[in-house]
Structure formats: structure tokens, C-alpha cells
């Protein structure tokens, strides 16, 4: 069992000692490469611009008192 109480079954084939079972590395690497093809910021710029236009300072998707508190904090503690 791992530290979270989850039973982990593994046949022990990790020839390069990277912590990823060798039979899963190809799938893992493909997913990692696809995720990095556009970089981690893919779509982030659009979200930042939408938040800036709406006044949603903390990026939670709503314009509320928490955004006002954030703005006041930025003004008082530059």
C-alpha cells in the first residue's frame, strides 16, 4: 500500500529507475508530450483577458466581494 492507503500492484519492471513502470512509460510519455505541445499556458491567455475585462481579479469565475477585497489589498499593500 502507498501512503494514501491505496493498494498499488506493480510487477517491478522499472529498468531505468524513473519511478514509472516500464509498461506504462510509453503511454505516460505520449500524454506528457501532448500536454507540452502547446505548453502549459494553452488557453490561459484568453482566460486572463476575460478575467481582466470582467473585473474578476482572483479568477474564480465570479465578480464578488472577494475581488473587491483583493483590489483593496493590492492598493494598501503594493
Protein backbone atom coordinates (compact mmCIF):
# COMPACT_ATOMS: atom_id res chain seq x y z
CA UNK A 1 0.00 0.00 0.00
CA UNK A 2 1.13 3.51 -0.63
CA UNK A 3 0.98 6.33 1.93
CA UNK A 4 -2.62 7.15 1.00
CA UNK A 5 -3.97 3.69 1.76
CA UNK A 6 -4.28 2.76 -1.89
CA UNK A 7 -3.20 -0.72 -2.90
CA UNK A 8 -0.66 -0.44 -5.68
CA UNK A 9 0.09 -3.50 -7.79
CA UNK A 10 3.23 -3.46 -9.85
CA UNK A 11 5.27 -6.22 -11.44
CA UNK A 12 8.55 -4.43 -10.67
CA UNK A 13 9.70 -3.62 -14.19
CA UNK A 14 11.35 -0.23 -13.90
CA UNK A 15 14.64 -0.76 -15.69
CA UNK A 16 15.62 2.91 -15.79
CA UNK A 17 14.63 3.69 -12.16
CA UNK A 18 12.49 6.70 -13.04
CA UNK A 19 9.59 5.62 -10.82
CA UNK A 20 7.28 4.85 -13.73
CA UNK A 21 6.63 1.18 -14.55
CA UNK A 22 8.18 0.46 -17.94
CA UNK A 23 4.94 -0.90 -19.37
CA UNK A 24 3.28 2.48 -18.67
CA UNK A 25 6.10 4.77 -19.79
CA UNK A 26 5.06 4.91 -23.42
CA UNK A 27 1.51 5.98 -22.54
CA UNK A 28 2.81 8.41 -19.90
CA UNK A 29 5.32 9.93 -22.30
CA UNK A 30 2.72 10.35 -25.05
CA UNK A 31 0.39 12.18 -22.67
CA UNK A 32 3.21 14.35 -21.35
CA UNK A 33 4.34 15.25 -24.85
CA UNK A 34 0.79 16.10 -25.93
CA UNK A 35 0.32 18.29 -22.86
CA UNK A 36 3.50 20.16 -23.63
CA UNK A 37 2.90 20.52 -27.36
CA UNK A 38 1.22 23.89 -26.82
CA UNK A 39 2.76 24.44 -23.42
CA UNK A 40 1.01 24.63 -20.09
CA UNK A 41 -0.33 28.07 -20.90
CA UNK A 42 -2.51 26.98 -23.82
CA UNK A 43 -5.79 28.83 -23.37
CA UNK A 44 -4.51 30.67 -20.31
CA UNK A 45 -4.09 33.98 -22.10
CA UNK A 46 -7.74 34.02 -23.15
CA UNK A 47 -8.83 33.27 -19.58
CA UNK A 48 -6.66 36.03 -18.18
CA UNK A 49 -8.06 38.52 -20.67
CA UNK A 50 -11.64 37.53 -19.87
CA UNK A 51 -10.96 37.87 -16.14
CA UNK A 52 -9.39 41.28 -16.67
CA UNK A 53 -12.33 42.52 -18.70
CA UNK A 54 -14.94 41.35 -16.19
CA UNK A 55 -13.13 42.57 -13.07
CA UNK A 56 -12.70 39.02 -11.78
CA UNK A 57 -9.39 39.67 -10.05
CA UNK A 58 -8.96 36.30 -8.34
CA UNK A 59 -10.00 34.22 -11.36
CA UNK A 60 -12.76 32.25 -9.64
CA UNK A 61 -15.25 32.98 -12.42
CA UNK A 62 -17.47 35.36 -10.46
CA UNK A 63 -17.35 39.05 -9.70
CA UNK A 64 -17.96 39.33 -5.97
CA UNK A 65 -16.75 40.90 -2.72
CA UNK A 66 -13.59 38.77 -2.78
CA UNK A 67 -12.48 40.61 -5.90
CA UNK A 68 -13.01 43.95 -4.14
CA UNK A 69 -11.04 42.72 -1.12
CA UNK A 70 -8.23 41.71 -3.46
CA UNK A 71 -8.19 45.14 -5.13
CA UNK A 72 -8.12 46.92 -1.75
CA UNK A 73 -5.27 44.67 -0.58
CA UNK A 74 -3.27 45.49 -3.70
CA UNK A 75 -3.83 49.21 -3.16
CA UNK A 76 -2.93 49.16 0.55
CA UNK A 77 -0.01 46.72 0.20
CA UNK A 78 1.66 47.43 -3.15
